Amino acid sequence: MSSGAERRTRRPLGAALPLVAALLVGVNLRPAITSVAALLDEASAHFGLSAELSGVLVTLPVIAFGLTAPIGPWLARRIGVARALGWAMLVLAVALALRVLAPAMLLPGTFIAGAAIMAAGTLLPQYLKSLNAGGLWVGLSSMSFGVGAALGAGVVVPVHRATGESVPAALGLWSALAVVAAIAIFLVAQRSGGAARSERRPRLTVPERGAGTIALVTAVFGLQALLYFAVTAWMPQFLADRGIGADERGWLLAWFSVAGFLPTLVTPMIARRPAVLRWFGPGLGVAVLLGLAWLFVASSDQYVWVVGLLGAVQSAAFGLAISLIVSLSANPPTAGVMSAVGQGVGYAFAGAGSLLIGIVHAASGDWSPSFALMAALAALLSVAVALVIRRMPVDLLAAQTSERPTAAESLTHPA
């Protein structure tokens, strides 16, 4: 009797550990970026960076995302998804420490950190698919990205001051958080005994109409990522040009992430209703466009409202993009490939686009062309979402299955 009760008590805890580990991994996937953006002037002065190198520093992780996308699925096929996630967290911890302890490693360490983040980011949808995670856990996982972004933006300036204005301490502390995530995910791998390894490798050939679906998923992911990273990278500089001080810029960037917590959480659940998804999805792009227009013309007392709006709708767009990768994949191996392609190409596009927006501003000396470009990209995001939500799930395994429901219907009955 007691042993049966003990098993019933332990089972929920054992089942929760893999999902909690996913949240810890997600929290680590943004601080390396937002902490640098919030402390860019101080970091540039500390490391002696020119304006051009400062722009490279803030966009380099996103560029690394696009160049290193295949690493995650490659590792997963050889050592299993959970162990691959664990090693990605360990590499991230080492890279974040090295880039501030050895000045020559600042840019290489930032690139390696971006590669580790990308590996983990591409594996999370496959990992969640293997756990049969429903809309709530997909939403929580997506929300954890925003939690990490808010921590990176909101904590780095106070830590910088508390440590005697030490840039290495403020930027390097995030390596400890990555170690915690690595320990959690390695515990999952140990308990699974390697069962998380992909049993079957998807073929490189794509079924009929599958290429179009993957292209649209990539477009959605790339456009929302470009807009997100453009705002997080350049909004502090935009606000500085409008006379906003460093403290206010830091907490506004943190507020941008905090405002997205609830939308990121509920978007995967809202999107399970096909009728809602058909207007809600495209509406996110329109809302981003309107938010950017408001930010450009806003007065200083309106920044808290417009930044909150942008944080909410852009985080919701990210939650929808992750949900589409999960729902439009017929099985975990396909989710891994679609995640690598969608996020890899998408982040390469996002990194280049975010850098281009900064270059356009530097060349023109004005923010108007950059905001016009972002507004046009937001309109394209609305169109891409409207098209992809009508697509059918893709199966890249050798044994093709019968016709599957559309993305909207698949979200209604998640695996």
Protein backbone atom coordinates (compact mmCIF):
# COMPACT_ATOMS: atom_id res chain seq x y z
CA MET A 1 0.00 0.00 0.00
CA SER A 2 2.67 2.48 1.03
CA SER A 3 4.83 1.62 -1.96
CA GLY A 4 1.93 2.24 -4.34
CA ALA A 5 1.22 5.59 -2.70
CA GLU A 6 4.90 6.44 -2.93
CA ARG A 7 4.92 5.65 -6.63
CA ARG A 8 1.85 7.85 -7.17
CA THR A 9 3.59 10.68 -5.31
CA ARG A 10 6.82 10.38 -7.25
CA ARG A 11 5.33 10.02 -10.71
CA PRO A 12 4.19 13.66 -11.11
CA LEU A 13 7.57 14.88 -9.89
CA GLY A 14 9.40 12.64 -12.32
CA ALA A 15 7.15 13.75 -15.16
CA ALA A 16 7.62 17.43 -14.28
CA LEU A 17 11.44 17.40 -14.26
CA PRO A 18 11.87 17.22 -18.07
CA LEU A 19 9.43 20.11 -18.52
CA VAL A 20 11.01 22.21 -15.77
CA ALA A 21 14.41 21.56 -17.36
CA ALA A 22 13.00 22.89 -20.65
CA LEU A 23 12.01 26.10 -18.88
CA LEU A 24 15.49 26.49 -17.38
CA VAL A 25 17.02 26.07 -20.83
CA GLY A 26 14.62 28.65 -22.27
CA VAL A 27 15.51 31.22 -19.61
CA ASN A 28 19.15 31.04 -20.77
CA LEU A 29 18.46 31.83 -24.41
CA ARG A 30 18.16 35.64 -24.21
CA PRO A 31 20.27 37.18 -21.36
CA ALA A 32 23.47 36.95 -23.42
CA ILE A 33 21.81 39.29 -25.92
CA THR A 34 19.66 41.69 -23.88
CA SER A 35 22.29 42.24 -21.18
CA VAL A 36 24.76 43.50 -23.79
CA ALA A 37 22.13 45.73 -25.42
CA ALA A 38 21.24 47.31 -22.06
CA LEU A 39 24.92 47.90 -21.20
CA LEU A 40 26.23 48.59 -24.70
CA ASP A 41 27.77 52.02 -24.07
CA GLU A 42 29.58 50.83 -20.95
CA ALA A 43 30.73 47.59 -22.60
CA SER A 44 31.97 49.46 -25.66
CA ALA A 45 33.96 51.84 -23.47
CA HIS A 46 35.36 49.02 -21.32
CA PHE A 47 36.54 46.94 -24.29
CA GLY A 48 37.49 49.92 -26.46
CA LEU A 49 35.06 49.15 -29.29
CA SER A 50 34.37 51.44 -32.20
CA ALA A 51 30.80 52.25 -33.20
CA GLU A 52 31.02 49.63 -35.96
CA LEU A 53 32.30 46.91 -33.62
CA SER A 54 29.62 47.81 -31.08
CA GLY A 55 27.01 47.12 -33.74
CA VAL A 56 28.69 43.82 -34.54
CA LEU A 57 28.76 42.86 -30.85
CA VAL A 58 25.05 43.39 -30.37
CA THR A 59 24.03 41.53 -33.54
CA LEU A 60 26.71 38.80 -33.63
CA PRO A 61 24.70 36.24 -31.59
CA VAL A 62 21.82 36.46 -34.06
CA ILE A 63 24.20 36.07 -37.00
CA ALA A 64 25.67 33.02 -35.27
CA PHE A 65 22.13 31.62 -35.00
CA GLY A 66 21.84 31.42 -38.76
CA LEU A 67 25.32 30.05 -39.41
CA THR A 68 25.22 27.26 -36.81
CA ALA A 69 21.65 25.97 -37.08
CA PRO A 70 22.55 22.37 -38.08
CA ILE A 71 24.61 21.79 -34.92
CA GLY A 72 21.63 21.03 -32.66
CA PRO A 73 19.98 18.32 -34.78
CA TRP A 74 23.42 16.85 -35.62
CA LEU A 75 24.21 16.46 -31.92
CA ALA A 76 20.76 15.09 -31.16
CA ARG A 77 21.17 12.28 -33.69
CA ARG A 78 24.42 11.22 -32.06
CA ILE A 79 23.95 11.71 -28.31
CA GLY A 80 20.22 12.31 -27.87
CA VAL A 81 18.18 15.48 -27.54
CA ALA A 82 18.53 15.87 -23.76
CA ARG A 83 22.30 15.38 -23.72
CA ALA A 84 22.68 17.75 -26.67
CA LEU A 85 20.75 20.39 -24.73
CA GLY A 86 22.99 19.81 -21.71
CA TRP A 87 26.17 20.26 -23.70
CA ALA A 88 24.76 23.38 -25.33
CA MET A 89 24.21 24.88 -21.87
CA LEU A 90 27.73 23.99 -20.76
CA VAL A 91 29.27 25.56 -23.88
CA LEU A 92 27.13 28.65 -23.30
CA ALA A 93 28.39 28.94 -19.72
CA VAL A 94 32.03 28.69 -20.81
CA ALA A 95 31.58 31.16 -23.68
CA LEU A 96 29.87 33.78 -21.49
CA ALA A 97 32.71 33.56 -18.97
CA LEU A 98 35.51 33.60 -21.54
CA ARG A 99 34.25 36.60 -23.48
CA VAL A 100 34.57 38.89 -20.45
CA LEU A 101 37.64 37.33 -18.80
CA ALA A 102 39.80 37.39 -21.94
CA PRO A 103 39.32 40.58 -23.99
CA ALA A 104 40.56 38.86 -27.15
CA MET A 105 37.65 36.41 -26.76
CA LEU A 106 34.93 39.06 -26.67
CA LEU A 107 33.72 38.60 -30.24
CA PRO A 108 34.66 34.89 -30.62
CA GLY A 109 33.05 34.15 -27.26
CA THR A 110 29.92 36.03 -28.28
CA PHE A 111 29.75 34.01 -31.49
CA ILE A 112 30.20 30.72 -29.59
CA ALA A 113 27.51 31.78 -27.13
CA GLY A 114 25.21 32.45 -30.07
CA ALA A 115 25.96 29.02 -31.51
CA ALA A 116 25.15 27.35 -28.17
CA ILE A 117 21.92 29.33 -27.87
CA MET A 118 20.98 28.32 -31.40
CA ALA A 119 21.66 24.65 -30.73
CA ALA A 120 19.42 24.72 -27.69
CA GLY A 121 16.76 26.78 -29.44
CA THR A 122 16.46 24.39 -32.37
CA LEU A 123 16.26 21.39 -30.05
CA LEU A 124 13.56 22.69 -27.71
CA PRO A 125 10.62 22.15 -30.14
CA GLN A 126 11.86 18.61 -30.84
CA TYR A 127 12.33 18.04 -27.11
CA LEU A 128 8.80 19.30 -26.33
CA LYS A 129 7.35 17.19 -29.14
CA SER A 130 9.04 14.10 -27.68
CA LEU A 131 7.42 14.88 -24.31
CA ASN A 132 3.97 15.25 -25.92
CA ALA A 133 3.84 18.73 -24.40
CA GLY A 134 0.47 20.45 -24.78
CA GLY A 135 -0.32 24.10 -25.43
CA LEU A 136 0.29 25.16 -21.82
CA TRP A 137 3.84 23.80 -21.70
CA VAL A 138 4.68 25.09 -25.17
CA GLY A 139 3.47 28.48 -23.95
CA LEU A 140 5.49 28.23 -20.73
CA SER A 141 8.58 27.26 -22.71
CA SER A 142 8.12 30.22 -25.05
CA MET A 143 7.50 32.50 -22.08
CA SER A 144 10.77 31.39 -20.47
CA PHE A 145 12.61 33.10 -23.34
CA GLY A 146 10.97 36.37 -22.32
CA VAL A 147 11.78 35.79 -18.66
CA GLY A 148 15.44 35.44 -19.58
CA ALA A 149 15.32 38.52 -21.79
CA ALA A 150 13.79 40.58 -18.96
CA LEU A 151 16.38 39.33 -16.48
CA GLY A 152 19.20 40.18 -18.84
CA ALA A 153 17.93 43.70 -19.51
CA GLY A 154 16.68 44.52 -16.03
CA VAL A 155 19.41 43.06 -13.80
CA VAL A 156 22.57 43.94 -15.69
CA VAL A 157 22.61 47.68 -14.89
CA PRO A 158 22.03 47.26 -11.12
CA VAL A 159 24.67 44.51 -11.01
CA HIS A 160 27.05 46.76 -12.94
CA ARG A 161 26.66 49.43 -10.27
CA ALA A 162 26.70 47.02 -7.33
CA THR A 163 30.04 45.57 -8.50
CA GLY A 164 31.77 48.93 -8.77
CA GLU A 165 30.78 49.36 -12.44
CA SER A 166 32.43 46.09 -13.42
CA VAL A 167 31.38 45.20 -16.97
CA PRO A 168 32.90 41.68 -16.77
CA ALA A 169 30.95 40.88 -13.60
CA ALA A 170 27.66 42.24 -14.98
CA LEU A 171 27.95 40.34 -18.27
CA GLY A 172 29.64 37.21 -16.94
CA LEU A 173 27.23 36.29 -14.15
CA TRP A 174 24.87 34.67 -16.66
CA SER A 175 27.25 31.75 -17.05
CA ALA A 176 26.10 30.52 -13.61
CA LEU A 177 22.49 30.38 -14.81
CA ALA A 178 23.57 28.26 -17.79
CA VAL A 179 25.31 25.82 -15.43
CA VAL A 180 22.07 25.37 -13.47
CA ALA A 181 20.19 24.54 -16.68
CA ALA A 182 22.92 22.11 -17.73
CA ILE A 183 22.65 20.22 -14.45
CA ALA A 184 18.86 19.94 -14.77
CA ILE A 185 18.90 18.70 -18.35
CA PHE A 186 21.71 16.20 -17.68
CA LEU A 187 19.56 14.78 -14.85
CA VAL A 188 16.80 14.26 -17.42
CA ALA A 189 19.24 12.54 -19.77
CA GLN A 190 20.49 10.31 -16.97
CA ARG A 191 16.97 9.25 -15.98
CA SER A 192 15.99 8.56 -19.58
CA GLY A 193 19.05 6.38 -20.10
CA GLY A 194 19.62 7.79 -23.58
CA ALA A 195 16.07 7.09 -24.71
CA ALA A 196 15.77 10.67 -25.89
CA ARG A 197 17.95 9.92 -28.91
CA SER A 198 16.13 10.19 -32.20
CA GLU A 199 15.22 6.71 -33.29
CA ARG A 200 14.83 7.50 -36.95
CA ARG A 201 16.55 10.06 -39.12
CA PRO A 202 14.25 12.00 -41.46
CA ARG A 203 14.97 11.75 -45.17
CA LEU A 204 16.36 14.79 -46.90
CA THR A 205 13.54 14.64 -49.45
CA VAL A 206 10.43 16.63 -48.65
CA PRO A 207 6.88 15.39 -49.38
CA GLU A 208 4.57 17.19 -51.76
CA ARG A 209 3.71 20.71 -50.56
CA GLY A 210 6.11 20.26 -47.66
CA ALA A 211 8.68 22.66 -49.08
CA GLY A 212 6.12 25.45 -49.20
CA THR A 213 5.13 24.82 -45.59
CA ILE A 214 8.74 24.85 -44.40
CA ALA A 215 9.40 28.03 -46.40
CA LEU A 216 6.42 29.78 -44.83
CA VAL A 217 7.36 28.65 -41.32
CA THR A 218 10.86 29.98 -41.97
CA ALA A 219 9.45 33.28 -43.21
CA VAL A 220 7.25 33.67 -40.13
CA PHE A 221 10.07 32.80 -37.75
CA GLY A 222 12.58 35.01 -39.55
CA LEU A 223 10.32 38.06 -39.75
CA GLN A 224 9.20 37.94 -36.13
CA ALA A 225 12.80 37.33 -34.99
CA LEU A 226 14.12 40.19 -37.11
CA LEU A 227 11.57 42.60 -35.65
CA TYR A 228 12.21 41.36 -32.10
CA PHE A 229 15.98 41.66 -32.28
CA ALA A 230 15.83 44.95 -34.16
CA VAL A 231 13.77 46.44 -31.34
CA THR A 232 15.88 44.97 -28.53
CA ALA A 233 19.13 45.95 -30.25
CA TRP A 234 18.28 49.45 -31.40
CA MET A 235 15.47 50.71 -29.16
CA PRO A 236 17.94 51.67 -26.38
CA GLN A 237 19.91 53.79 -28.88
CA PHE A 238 16.69 55.27 -30.28
CA LEU A 239 15.59 56.21 -26.75
CA ALA A 240 19.04 57.63 -25.98
CA ASP A 241 18.76 59.86 -29.04
CA ARG A 242 15.43 61.05 -27.63
CA GLY A 243 17.11 62.05 -24.38
CA ILE A 244 16.18 59.03 -22.22
CA GLY A 245 18.73 58.16 -19.52
CA ALA A 246 20.49 54.82 -19.07
CA ASP A 247 18.37 53.70 -16.08
CA GLU A 248 15.10 54.36 -17.84
CA ARG A 249 16.34 52.71 -21.04
CA GLY A 250 17.28 49.61 -19.06
CA TRP A 251 13.97 49.18 -17.33
CA LEU A 252 12.04 49.97 -20.52
CA LEU A 253 13.93 47.17 -22.27
CA ALA A 254 13.14 44.90 -19.33
CA TRP A 255 9.49 46.00 -19.46
CA PHE A 256 9.45 45.10 -23.16
CA SER A 257 10.16 41.49 -22.14
CA VAL A 258 7.96 41.43 -19.03
CA ALA A 259 4.96 42.71 -21.01
CA GLY A 260 5.29 39.65 -23.23
CA PHE A 261 5.09 37.04 -20.46
CA LEU A 262 1.33 36.50 -20.51
CA PRO A 263 0.87 36.82 -24.31
CA THR A 264 3.65 34.29 -24.91
CA LEU A 265 2.03 31.91 -22.45
CA VAL A 266 -1.52 32.09 -23.77
CA THR A 267 -0.83 32.41 -27.50
CA PRO A 268 -0.29 28.65 -28.07
CA MET A 269 -3.57 27.96 -26.26
CA ILE A 270 -5.50 30.71 -28.06
CA ALA A 271 -4.14 29.46 -31.37
CA ARG A 272 -5.71 26.04 -30.74
CA ARG A 273 -9.02 27.56 -31.86
CA PRO A 274 -8.95 27.61 -35.67
CA ALA A 275 -11.49 30.39 -35.96
CA VAL A 276 -9.47 32.60 -33.61
CA LEU A 277 -6.14 31.71 -35.20
CA ARG A 278 -7.28 32.90 -38.63
CA TRP A 279 -7.61 36.49 -37.42
CA PHE A 280 -5.37 36.48 -34.37
CA GLY A 281 -2.26 35.30 -36.24
CA PRO A 282 -2.26 37.88 -39.07
CA GLY A 283 -3.41 40.52 -36.59
CA LEU A 284 -0.13 40.24 -34.72
CA GLY A 285 1.80 41.63 -37.67
CA VAL A 286 -0.62 44.53 -37.97
CA ALA A 287 -0.28 45.23 -34.24
CA VAL A 288 3.52 45.28 -34.51
CA LEU A 289 3.26 47.76 -37.39
CA LEU A 290 1.00 50.05 -35.37
CA GLY A 291 3.23 49.74 -32.32
CA LEU A 292 6.32 50.76 -34.29
CA ALA A 293 4.50 53.77 -35.71
CA TRP A 294 3.43 54.79 -32.21
CA LEU A 295 6.96 54.36 -30.81
CA PHE A 296 8.36 56.64 -33.50
CA VAL A 297 5.97 59.51 -32.71
CA ALA A 298 5.50 58.88 -28.97
CA SER A 299 6.32 61.46 -26.32
CA SER A 300 8.42 60.50 -23.30
CA ASP A 301 5.39 59.92 -21.07
CA GLN A 302 4.00 57.39 -23.58
CA TYR A 303 7.05 55.14 -23.83
CA VAL A 304 5.91 52.81 -21.05
CA TRP A 305 2.66 52.14 -22.91
CA VAL A 306 4.04 51.71 -26.40
CA VAL A 307 6.98 49.57 -25.24
CA GLY A 308 4.49 47.40 -23.34
CA LEU A 309 2.36 47.03 -26.47
CA LEU A 310 5.35 46.08 -28.62
CA GLY A 311 6.59 43.63 -26.00
CA ALA A 312 3.19 41.95 -25.81
CA VAL A 313 2.54 41.55 -29.52
CA GLN A 314 6.11 40.64 -30.48
CA SER A 315 6.32 38.02 -27.74
CA ALA A 316 2.98 36.62 -28.88
CA ALA A 317 4.38 36.39 -32.41
CA PHE A 318 7.33 34.40 -31.08
CA GLY A 319 5.00 32.06 -29.18
CA LEU A 320 2.99 31.54 -32.34
CA ALA A 321 6.14 30.80 -34.37
CA ILE A 322 7.25 28.10 -31.91
CA SER A 323 3.72 26.66 -31.84
CA LEU A 324 3.68 26.45 -35.63
CA ILE A 325 6.97 24.52 -35.67
CA VAL A 326 5.51 22.02 -33.20
CA SER A 327 2.05 21.75 -34.76
CA LEU A 328 3.23 21.58 -38.38
CA SER A 329 5.65 18.72 -37.59
CA ALA A 330 4.16 15.25 -37.69
CA ASN A 331 6.71 13.75 -35.29
CA PRO A 332 9.75 14.68 -33.14
CA PRO A 333 12.43 14.05 -35.83
CA THR A 334 10.53 16.23 -38.27
CA ALA A 335 10.17 18.88 -35.58
CA GLY A 336 13.96 18.85 -35.17
CA VAL A 337 14.58 19.36 -38.88
CA MET A 338 11.86 21.99 -39.29
CA SER A 339 13.13 23.78 -36.21
CA ALA A 340 16.70 23.80 -37.55
CA VAL A 341 15.65 25.05 -40.97
CA GLY A 342 13.06 27.54 -39.73
CA GLN A 343 15.18 28.95 -36.95
CA GLY A 344 18.49 28.65 -38.80
CA VAL A 345 17.50 30.46 -41.96
CA GLY A 346 15.11 32.66 -40.01
CA TYR A 347 17.76 33.82 -37.55
CA ALA A 348 20.32 34.38 -40.34
CA PHE A 349 17.76 36.63 -41.99
CA ALA A 350 16.99 38.26 -38.63
CA GLY A 351 20.66 38.92 -37.85
CA ALA A 352 21.37 40.41 -41.25
CA GLY A 353 18.15 42.42 -41.17
CA SER A 354 18.76 43.79 -37.69
CA LEU A 355 22.27 44.84 -38.69
CA LEU A 356 20.88 46.42 -41.88
CA ILE A 357 18.43 48.48 -39.85
CA GLY A 358 21.33 49.85 -37.82
CA ILE A 359 23.34 50.53 -40.97
CA VAL A 360 20.40 52.38 -42.54
CA HIS A 361 20.16 54.56 -39.45
CA ALA A 362 23.91 55.26 -39.41
CA ALA A 363 23.94 56.09 -43.11
CA SER A 364 20.91 58.38 -43.00
CA GLY A 365 21.50 59.92 -39.58
CA ASP A 366 17.78 59.56 -38.99
CA TRP A 367 15.51 56.84 -37.60
CA SER A 368 12.73 57.40 -40.16
CA PRO A 369 14.07 55.01 -42.86
CA SER A 370 14.75 52.29 -40.29
CA PHE A 371 11.24 52.51 -38.86
CA ALA A 372 9.72 52.51 -42.34
CA LEU A 373 11.67 49.34 -43.15
CA MET A 374 10.52 47.64 -39.94
CA ALA A 375 6.91 48.62 -40.64
CA ALA A 376 7.09 47.01 -44.09
CA LEU A 377 8.52 43.83 -42.56
CA ALA A 378 5.68 43.76 -40.02
CA ALA A 379 3.19 43.88 -42.90
CA LEU A 380 4.99 40.94 -44.56
CA LEU A 381 4.78 39.03 -41.27
CA SER A 382 1.01 39.43 -41.28
CA VAL A 383 0.80 38.02 -44.82
CA ALA A 384 3.12 35.08 -44.06
CA VAL A 385 1.12 34.07 -40.98
CA ALA A 386 -2.14 34.26 -42.93
CA LEU A 387 -0.71 31.80 -45.46
CA VAL A 388 1.04 29.33 -43.13
CA ILE A 389 -1.87 28.69 -40.77
CA ARG A 390 -3.71 27.00 -43.65
CA ARG A 391 -0.91 24.53 -44.36
CA MET A 392 -0.82 20.83 -43.50
CA PRO A 393 1.75 19.22 -41.16
CA VAL A 394 4.94 17.87 -42.73
CA ASP A 395 6.26 14.33 -42.24
CA LEU A 396 9.91 13.85 -43.22
CA LEU A 397 10.11 10.23 -42.10
CA ALA A 398 10.40 7.47 -44.69
CA ALA A 399 6.93 6.09 -43.95
CA GLN A 400 4.55 8.78 -45.12
CA THR A 401 1.23 8.94 -43.37
CA SER A 402 -2.19 9.79 -44.64
CA GLU A 403 -3.43 13.32 -45.09
CA ARG A 404 -3.11 15.43 -41.97
CA PRO A 405 -5.08 18.39 -40.65
CA THR A 406 -4.16 22.01 -41.19
CA ALA A 407 -2.09 23.95 -38.67
CA ALA A 408 -5.19 25.46 -37.10
CA GLU A 409 -6.78 22.01 -36.70
CA SER A 410 -3.53 20.45 -35.47
CA LEU A 411 -3.29 23.05 -32.71
CA THR A 412 -6.80 22.06 -31.68
CA HIS A 413 -5.58 18.51 -30.98
CA PRO A 414 -1.91 18.78 -29.97
CA ALA A 415 0.22 15.68 -29.61
